[in-house]
Amino acid sequence: MTRLINIFGTLAVACMLLIGTTTAPARAQVSLGISVAIGPPAIPYYAQPVAPGPNSIWQPGYWAWDPVDGYYWVPGTWVQAPSIGLYWTPGYWGFNNGMYGWNGGYWGPSIGFYGGINYGYGYYGNGYAGGRWQGNHFYYNGAVSNVNSSAVGGYTYTNRSQYQSWNNRVAYNGGPHGVSARASAAQQQAYSQRRSGMTAAQTQHATYAKNDPVYRYNTNHGRIAPTAAAVARPFSAQHAPPAYHAAAAPAHAAPAHAAPVQHAAAPVQHAAPAHAAPVQHAAAPVQHTAPQHAAPVQHAAAPVQHAAPQHAAPVQHAAPQHAAPQHAAPVQHAAPAAHPQAAPAHPAPAQHPAAPAPRPSGRPR
């Protein structure tokens, strides 16, 4: 379907450039440009962000067209007028001769025709209810526009009668299901008084949106998160759209995934001494019981073996625990059985067979 739309769109643009056909009901405002066979999706609902500063003009979000990727959403945002006293008339899609054509927005001293499209937040299809110029300052209608009085220098007023609900979100004029509004004489005159098209900031904002997959209809299918559908400031290098921030996320997320691996390895390292400790403690009683009847030389060898690679303190504390309930006779009888097993691990017990030789000479004394 997307490929078919692209083919129709490309053919339509070529035909328009050759024969110069108009693309919308309000012929006084028609601009030669893009025309496609399928109309734009419905306007997504979103909350208007707070105006960032004085003399900011609201540019409502709209569906734009790219020959490669099809429709993409350009988020609503607050922009600066190219000069004091100018208003922004939004662009709109219009149906004519079986095709949908785009009529670009412009800056002028009054609001012109924008297809009767209800873009919300003051652009309810006819004129603009979000504020007005008075001298060198733009005054905001606090009942329609989302403003903080201190942030806009206190230039606010309230006219609740100008507020309208945002029910119809059809994004094009004419056709079988589009808005049926027509340009009035005053709106046609406003178009003839237009001063300029989009500013550089507006153009850059649209370019960032086009390059961000988040805003392509092929990706979002017309469902855009309210926080992404409108932004307080136009997109730029300092205020990049969501996909640009998301692209940097893996770099920050990598350490978070690496950390569990390091922590998982730590228990293995600590677990090894824990298993080795019982073996060392088991050997310790044998060595401590033997020195009771053996020469002090063996007693000196035992600390050398345990103090260097292991923790000396646990071995010394473990020794009194086994020494307290010790009965000399049972331990001495168990020692011969233990010596053959301990001999491969510790060469020192090999001296025990020689120890009984001096015992007979000691008994007559």
Protein backbone atom coordinates (compact mmCIF):
# COMPACT_ATOMS: atom_id res chain seq x y z
CA MET A 1 0.00 0.00 0.00
CA THR A 2 2.79 2.42 0.89
CA ARG A 3 4.55 1.68 -2.38
CA LEU A 4 1.31 2.31 -4.29
CA ILE A 5 0.89 5.65 -2.51
CA ASN A 6 4.42 6.65 -3.40
CA ILE A 7 3.89 5.78 -7.07
CA PHE A 8 0.65 7.75 -7.27
CA GLY A 9 2.23 10.66 -5.43
CA THR A 10 5.21 10.81 -7.79
CA LEU A 11 3.01 10.64 -10.89
CA ALA A 12 0.70 13.31 -9.55
CA VAL A 13 3.55 15.71 -8.84
CA ALA A 14 4.87 15.23 -12.35
CA CYS A 15 1.45 15.91 -13.87
CA MET A 16 1.02 19.06 -11.79
CA LEU A 17 4.37 20.44 -12.84
CA LEU A 18 3.49 19.84 -16.48
CA ILE A 19 -0.07 21.19 -16.63
CA GLY A 20 -0.19 23.42 -13.55
CA THR A 21 -3.49 22.16 -12.12
CA THR A 22 -4.90 23.51 -8.86
CA THR A 23 -5.26 21.27 -5.83
CA ALA A 24 -7.81 22.76 -3.45
CA PRO A 25 -11.26 24.36 -3.31
CA ALA A 26 -9.93 27.78 -2.27
CA ARG A 27 -8.28 28.56 -5.62
CA ALA A 28 -7.09 31.99 -4.48
CA GLN A 29 -4.82 30.26 -1.96
CA VAL A 30 -3.66 27.29 -3.99
CA SER A 31 0.08 26.67 -4.19
CA LEU A 32 1.61 24.35 -6.76
CA GLY A 33 3.13 21.42 -4.90
CA ILE A 34 2.57 17.87 -3.66
CA SER A 35 -0.50 15.85 -4.63
CA VAL A 36 -1.19 12.22 -3.66
CA ALA A 37 -3.94 9.68 -4.25
CA ILE A 38 -4.72 8.90 -0.58
CA GLY A 39 -5.73 11.49 1.98
CA PRO A 40 -3.86 12.17 5.23
CA PRO A 41 -4.72 10.36 8.50
CA ALA A 42 -6.75 12.00 11.26
CA ILE A 43 -5.00 14.60 13.40
CA PRO A 44 -3.74 12.92 16.59
CA TYR A 45 -4.85 14.38 19.89
CA TYR A 46 -2.16 15.98 22.03
CA ALA A 47 -1.76 18.45 24.89
CA GLN A 48 -0.34 21.84 24.04
CA PRO A 49 2.94 22.50 25.88
CA VAL A 50 3.39 25.72 27.84
CA ALA A 51 4.57 28.70 25.79
CA PRO A 52 8.33 29.04 26.38
CA GLY A 53 8.47 32.85 26.24
CA PRO A 54 6.89 36.09 25.06
CA ASN A 55 5.81 36.62 21.43
CA SER A 56 5.75 32.90 20.72
CA ILE A 57 3.16 31.93 18.10
CA TRP A 58 1.56 28.49 18.09
CA GLN A 59 2.11 26.40 14.95
CA PRO A 60 -0.29 23.43 15.07
CA GLY A 61 0.90 19.95 14.15
CA TYR A 62 0.13 18.62 10.66
CA TRP A 63 0.68 15.66 8.34
CA ALA A 64 3.36 16.24 5.71
CA TRP A 65 4.35 14.06 2.76
CA ASP A 66 7.64 12.45 1.78
CA PRO A 67 7.91 10.69 -1.63
CA VAL A 68 9.93 7.86 -0.05
CA ASP A 69 8.27 7.24 3.32
CA GLY A 70 4.81 8.70 2.74
CA TYR A 71 2.98 10.67 5.41
CA TYR A 72 4.80 11.81 8.53
CA TRP A 73 3.65 13.96 11.45
CA VAL A 74 5.21 17.36 12.10
CA PRO A 75 4.62 18.08 15.82
CA GLY A 76 2.93 21.28 16.91
CA THR A 77 5.32 23.79 18.46
CA TRP A 78 5.80 27.41 19.53
CA VAL A 79 7.67 29.52 16.97
CA GLN A 80 8.78 33.11 16.59
CA ALA A 81 7.19 35.25 13.86
CA PRO A 82 9.62 36.68 11.29
CA SER A 83 8.49 40.16 12.38
CA ILE A 84 6.19 41.85 14.89
CA GLY A 85 2.48 41.80 14.02
CA LEU A 86 2.44 38.73 11.77
CA TYR A 87 0.18 35.70 12.26
CA TRP A 88 0.68 32.13 11.14
CA THR A 89 -1.91 30.62 8.77
CA PRO A 90 -1.43 26.80 8.85
CA GLY A 91 -1.15 24.75 5.68
CA TYR A 92 -3.82 22.17 4.83
CA TRP A 93 -4.66 19.28 2.53
CA GLY A 94 -7.41 19.80 -0.05
CA PHE A 95 -9.18 17.28 -2.30
CA ASN A 96 -9.56 18.21 -5.97
CA ASN A 97 -10.00 16.16 -9.15
CA GLY A 98 -9.49 12.87 -7.31
CA MET A 99 -6.20 13.86 -5.68
CA TYR A 100 -5.14 15.35 -2.34
CA GLY A 101 -2.96 18.44 -2.65
CA TRP A 102 -0.99 20.35 -0.03
CA ASN A 103 -1.42 24.09 0.44
CA GLY A 104 1.49 25.50 2.40
CA GLY A 105 1.14 27.80 5.41
CA TYR A 106 2.38 31.38 5.48
CA TRP A 107 2.96 34.47 7.63
CA GLY A 108 0.78 37.54 7.13
CA PRO A 109 -0.92 40.45 8.93
CA SER A 110 -4.13 38.42 9.30
CA ILE A 111 -5.24 34.80 9.40
CA GLY A 112 -6.21 33.36 6.03
CA PHE A 113 -8.02 30.21 4.96
CA TYR A 114 -6.65 26.86 6.18
CA GLY A 115 -9.32 24.53 4.87
CA GLY A 116 -11.66 24.80 7.82
CA ILE A 117 -9.50 22.17 9.56
CA ASN A 118 -9.86 22.05 13.33
CA TYR A 119 -6.22 21.90 14.42
CA GLY A 120 -7.14 22.73 18.02
CA TYR A 121 -5.77 25.28 20.50
CA GLY A 122 -7.22 28.34 18.80
CA TYR A 123 -7.12 27.09 15.21
CA TYR A 124 -10.69 25.84 15.14
CA GLY A 125 -11.14 26.12 11.36
CA ASN A 126 -11.72 29.84 11.05
CA GLY A 127 -9.30 32.49 12.30
CA TYR A 128 -7.26 32.14 15.48
CA ALA A 129 -8.60 32.42 19.04
CA GLY A 130 -5.36 31.75 20.91
CA GLY A 131 -4.20 35.38 21.11
CA ARG A 132 -3.63 38.66 19.28
CA TRP A 133 -1.02 41.33 18.68
CA GLN A 134 -1.25 44.61 20.56
CA GLY A 135 1.60 46.92 19.66
CA ASN A 136 4.89 45.08 20.02
CA HIS A 137 3.52 42.37 22.30
CA PHE A 138 1.49 39.26 21.68
CA TYR A 139 -1.32 38.82 24.21
CA TYR A 140 -2.41 35.24 24.92
CA ASN A 141 -5.96 34.07 25.55
CA GLY A 142 -5.48 32.03 28.71
CA ALA A 143 -8.79 30.21 28.11
CA VAL A 144 -7.42 28.72 24.86
CA SER A 145 -3.61 28.79 24.99
CA ASN A 146 -1.47 27.02 27.56
CA VAL A 147 0.61 29.86 29.01
CA ASN A 148 2.29 30.85 32.23
CA SER A 149 1.67 34.55 32.79
CA SER A 150 5.12 35.22 34.23
CA ALA A 151 6.85 33.34 31.37
CA VAL A 152 5.15 35.52 28.72
CA GLY A 153 5.70 38.77 30.56
CA GLY A 154 2.14 39.01 31.89
CA TYR A 155 0.64 39.61 28.44
CA THR A 156 -2.51 37.55 28.84
CA TYR A 157 -6.27 37.91 28.82
CA THR A 158 -9.22 35.53 29.18
CA ASN A 159 -12.06 35.03 26.70
CA ARG A 160 -13.75 31.73 27.41
CA SER A 161 -16.36 32.24 24.71
CA GLN A 162 -13.71 31.67 22.07
CA TYR A 163 -12.83 28.21 23.33
CA GLN A 164 -14.07 25.26 21.24
CA SER A 165 -13.85 21.53 21.72
CA TRP A 166 -11.56 19.41 19.58
CA ASN A 167 -14.01 16.81 18.26
CA ASN A 168 -13.55 16.70 14.49
CA ARG A 169 -9.93 15.90 13.66
CA VAL A 170 -10.27 15.30 9.91
CA ALA A 171 -7.06 16.57 8.31
CA TYR A 172 -8.23 17.54 4.80
CA ASN A 173 -10.77 19.72 3.02
CA GLY A 174 -13.24 18.43 0.41
CA GLY A 175 -13.64 14.90 -0.88
CA PRO A 176 -16.17 12.31 0.27
CA HIS A 177 -15.36 12.64 3.99
CA GLY A 178 -13.40 15.89 4.27
CA VAL A 179 -14.34 19.27 5.71
CA SER A 180 -16.66 21.21 3.40
CA ALA A 181 -15.51 24.75 4.24
CA ARG A 182 -14.80 27.38 1.57
CA ALA A 183 -12.64 30.47 1.78
CA SER A 184 -14.41 33.74 2.49
CA ALA A 185 -13.61 37.02 0.74
CA ALA A 186 -11.66 38.21 3.79
CA GLN A 187 -9.63 35.01 3.87
CA GLN A 188 -8.83 35.27 0.20
CA GLN A 189 -7.66 38.82 0.79
CA ALA A 190 -5.47 37.63 3.67
CA TYR A 191 -3.79 35.21 1.27
CA SER A 192 -3.07 38.03 -1.16
CA GLN A 193 -1.39 39.93 1.71
CA ARG A 194 0.86 37.06 2.71
CA ARG A 195 4.42 38.12 3.53
CA SER A 196 6.49 34.95 3.75
CA GLY A 197 6.40 31.19 4.04
CA MET A 198 7.98 29.05 6.73
CA THR A 199 10.95 30.43 8.63
CA ALA A 200 14.27 28.58 8.79
CA ALA A 201 13.37 27.27 12.26
CA GLN A 202 10.04 25.90 10.98
CA THR A 203 11.69 24.24 8.01
CA GLN A 204 14.36 22.65 10.20
CA HIS A 205 11.66 21.45 12.58
CA ALA A 206 9.85 19.68 9.73
CA THR A 207 13.10 18.16 8.44
CA TYR A 208 13.92 16.63 11.82
CA ALA A 209 10.43 15.14 11.99
CA LYS A 210 10.75 13.68 8.49
CA ASN A 211 14.01 11.93 9.40
CA ASP A 212 12.64 10.49 12.63
CA PRO A 213 10.90 7.07 12.20
CA VAL A 214 8.76 7.84 15.24
CA TYR A 215 6.73 10.31 13.18
CA ARG A 216 6.26 8.25 10.02
CA TYR A 217 2.80 6.88 9.46
CA ASN A 218 4.35 3.58 8.37
CA THR A 219 5.72 3.29 11.91
CA ASN A 220 3.06 4.88 14.15
CA HIS A 221 -0.07 4.14 12.04
CA GLY A 222 -1.52 7.44 13.15
CA ARG A 223 -1.03 6.75 16.88
CA ILE A 224 1.55 9.13 18.30
CA ALA A 225 2.30 9.58 21.99
CA PRO A 226 0.84 12.88 23.24
CA THR A 227 4.24 13.90 24.59
CA ALA A 228 5.77 13.44 21.11
CA ALA A 229 2.92 14.90 19.04
CA ALA A 230 3.69 18.43 20.29
CA VAL A 231 6.84 20.06 21.66
CA ALA A 232 7.54 23.40 23.31
CA ARG A 233 10.36 24.41 20.95
CA PRO A 234 11.12 23.60 17.30
CA PHE A 235 13.43 20.67 16.69
CA SER A 236 17.10 21.54 16.35
CA ALA A 237 20.48 20.18 17.30
CA GLN A 238 19.78 21.27 20.89
CA HIS A 239 16.17 20.00 20.90
CA ALA A 240 16.27 16.73 18.98
CA PRO A 241 13.16 14.56 18.51
CA PRO A 242 12.62 11.29 20.45
CA ALA A 243 14.39 8.95 18.02
CA TYR A 244 17.61 10.96 18.27
CA HIS A 245 17.56 10.64 22.05
CA ALA A 246 16.65 6.97 21.82
CA ALA A 247 19.66 6.33 19.56
CA ALA A 248 21.94 7.49 22.38
CA ALA A 249 20.17 5.32 24.98
CA PRO A 250 22.05 2.04 24.27
CA ALA A 251 25.36 3.72 25.08
CA HIS A 252 24.07 4.59 28.53
CA ALA A 253 22.22 1.31 28.92
CA ALA A 254 25.31 -0.85 28.23
CA PRO A 255 26.92 -0.36 31.68
CA ALA A 256 23.63 -1.29 33.30
CA HIS A 257 23.67 -4.66 31.52
CA ALA A 258 27.37 -5.14 32.16
CA ALA A 259 27.03 -4.57 35.89
CA PRO A 260 25.03 -7.76 36.63
CA VAL A 261 27.69 -9.82 34.86
CA GLN A 262 30.37 -8.41 37.13
CA HIS A 263 28.26 -8.97 40.21
CA ALA A 264 27.43 -12.48 39.09
CA ALA A 265 31.14 -13.29 38.85
CA ALA A 266 31.84 -11.94 42.33
CA PRO A 267 29.88 -14.63 44.20
CA VAL A 268 31.86 -17.27 42.34
CA GLN A 269 35.10 -15.80 43.60
CA HIS A 270 33.82 -15.55 47.15
CA ALA A 271 32.24 -18.97 47.01
CA ALA A 272 35.57 -20.70 46.30
CA PRO A 273 37.15 -19.77 49.67
CA ALA A 274 33.89 -20.73 51.38
CA HIS A 275 34.19 -24.32 50.08
CA ALA A 276 37.90 -24.44 50.70
CA ALA A 277 37.51 -23.32 54.32
CA PRO A 278 35.90 -26.53 55.66
CA VAL A 279 38.74 -28.61 54.21
CA GLN A 280 41.30 -26.42 55.92
CA HIS A 281 39.43 -26.45 59.22
CA ALA A 282 39.04 -30.21 59.05
CA ALA A 283 42.79 -30.60 58.72
CA ALA A 284 43.47 -28.12 61.51
CA PRO A 285 42.20 -30.30 64.42
CA VAL A 286 44.41 -33.15 63.30
CA GLN A 287 47.44 -30.92 63.37
CA HIS A 288 46.52 -29.37 66.68
CA THR A 289 45.80 -32.66 68.43
CA ALA A 290 49.03 -34.21 67.24
CA PRO A 291 51.27 -31.56 68.78
CA GLN A 292 49.99 -32.43 72.28
CA HIS A 293 52.31 -35.50 72.27
CA ALA A 294 54.65 -34.49 69.49
CA ALA A 295 57.57 -32.16 69.41
CA PRO A 296 56.98 -28.37 69.15
CA VAL A 297 58.52 -28.46 65.66
CA GLN A 298 55.23 -29.67 64.16
CA HIS A 299 53.35 -26.92 65.96
CA ALA A 300 55.55 -24.32 64.26
CA ALA A 301 54.99 -25.87 60.83
CA ALA A 302 51.19 -25.69 61.06
CA PRO A 303 50.99 -21.88 61.40
CA VAL A 304 53.26 -21.50 58.40
CA GLN A 305 50.94 -23.57 56.22
CA HIS A 306 47.70 -21.79 57.26
CA ALA A 307 48.79 -18.23 57.93
CA ALA A 308 50.15 -17.31 54.50
CA PRO A 309 47.44 -18.25 51.93
CA GLN A 310 44.42 -18.30 54.27
CA HIS A 311 42.98 -16.08 56.96
CA ALA A 312 44.85 -16.79 60.15
CA ALA A 313 42.19 -15.39 62.43
CA PRO A 314 39.44 -17.90 61.50
CA VAL A 315 41.81 -20.85 61.97
CA GLN A 316 42.86 -19.68 65.44
CA HIS A 317 39.27 -19.17 66.51
CA ALA A 318 38.26 -22.54 65.18
CA ALA A 319 41.02 -24.26 67.16
CA PRO A 320 39.68 -23.31 70.63
CA GLN A 321 36.21 -24.52 69.65
CA HIS A 322 37.59 -28.00 68.90
CA ALA A 323 40.06 -27.87 71.79
CA ALA A 324 37.41 -27.15 74.44
CA PRO A 325 35.44 -30.40 74.16
CA GLN A 326 38.58 -32.43 73.42
CA HIS A 327 39.21 -35.66 75.34
CA ALA A 328 42.77 -36.60 74.96
CA ALA A 329 42.21 -40.37 74.63
CA PRO A 330 39.58 -40.32 71.81
CA VAL A 331 41.53 -37.84 69.77
CA GLN A 332 44.76 -39.83 70.10
CA HIS A 333 43.04 -43.02 68.87
CA ALA A 334 41.49 -41.13 65.94
CA ALA A 335 44.83 -39.59 65.00
CA PRO A 336 46.40 -42.79 63.59
CA ALA A 337 43.43 -43.21 61.21
CA ALA A 338 43.68 -39.60 60.10
CA HIS A 339 47.43 -39.63 59.55
CA PRO A 340 47.36 -41.92 56.50
CA GLN A 341 44.75 -39.68 54.82
CA ALA A 342 46.48 -36.46 55.74
CA ALA A 343 49.89 -37.67 54.65
CA PRO A 344 49.36 -36.98 50.89
CA ALA A 345 48.17 -33.44 51.55
CA HIS A 346 50.69 -32.49 54.27
CA PRO A 347 54.14 -34.09 54.36
CA ALA A 348 54.62 -33.04 58.02
CA PRO A 349 52.63 -35.94 59.60
CA ALA A 350 55.23 -38.39 58.25
CA GLN A 351 57.21 -37.61 61.44
CA HIS A 352 54.54 -39.24 63.66
CA PRO A 353 55.69 -42.88 63.14
CA ALA A 354 59.07 -41.95 64.62
CA ALA A 355 57.48 -40.36 67.66
CA PRO A 356 56.53 -43.62 69.54
CA ALA A 357 60.20 -44.71 69.71
CA PRO A 358 61.09 -42.39 72.62
CA ARG A 359 58.05 -43.39 74.72
CA PRO A 360 59.48 -46.57 76.39
CA SER A 361 62.56 -44.75 77.58
CA GLY A 362 60.38 -42.14 79.13
CA ARG A 363 58.15 -44.49 81.14
CA PRO A 364 60.77 -45.77 83.67
CA ARG A 365 61.31 -42.23 84.76
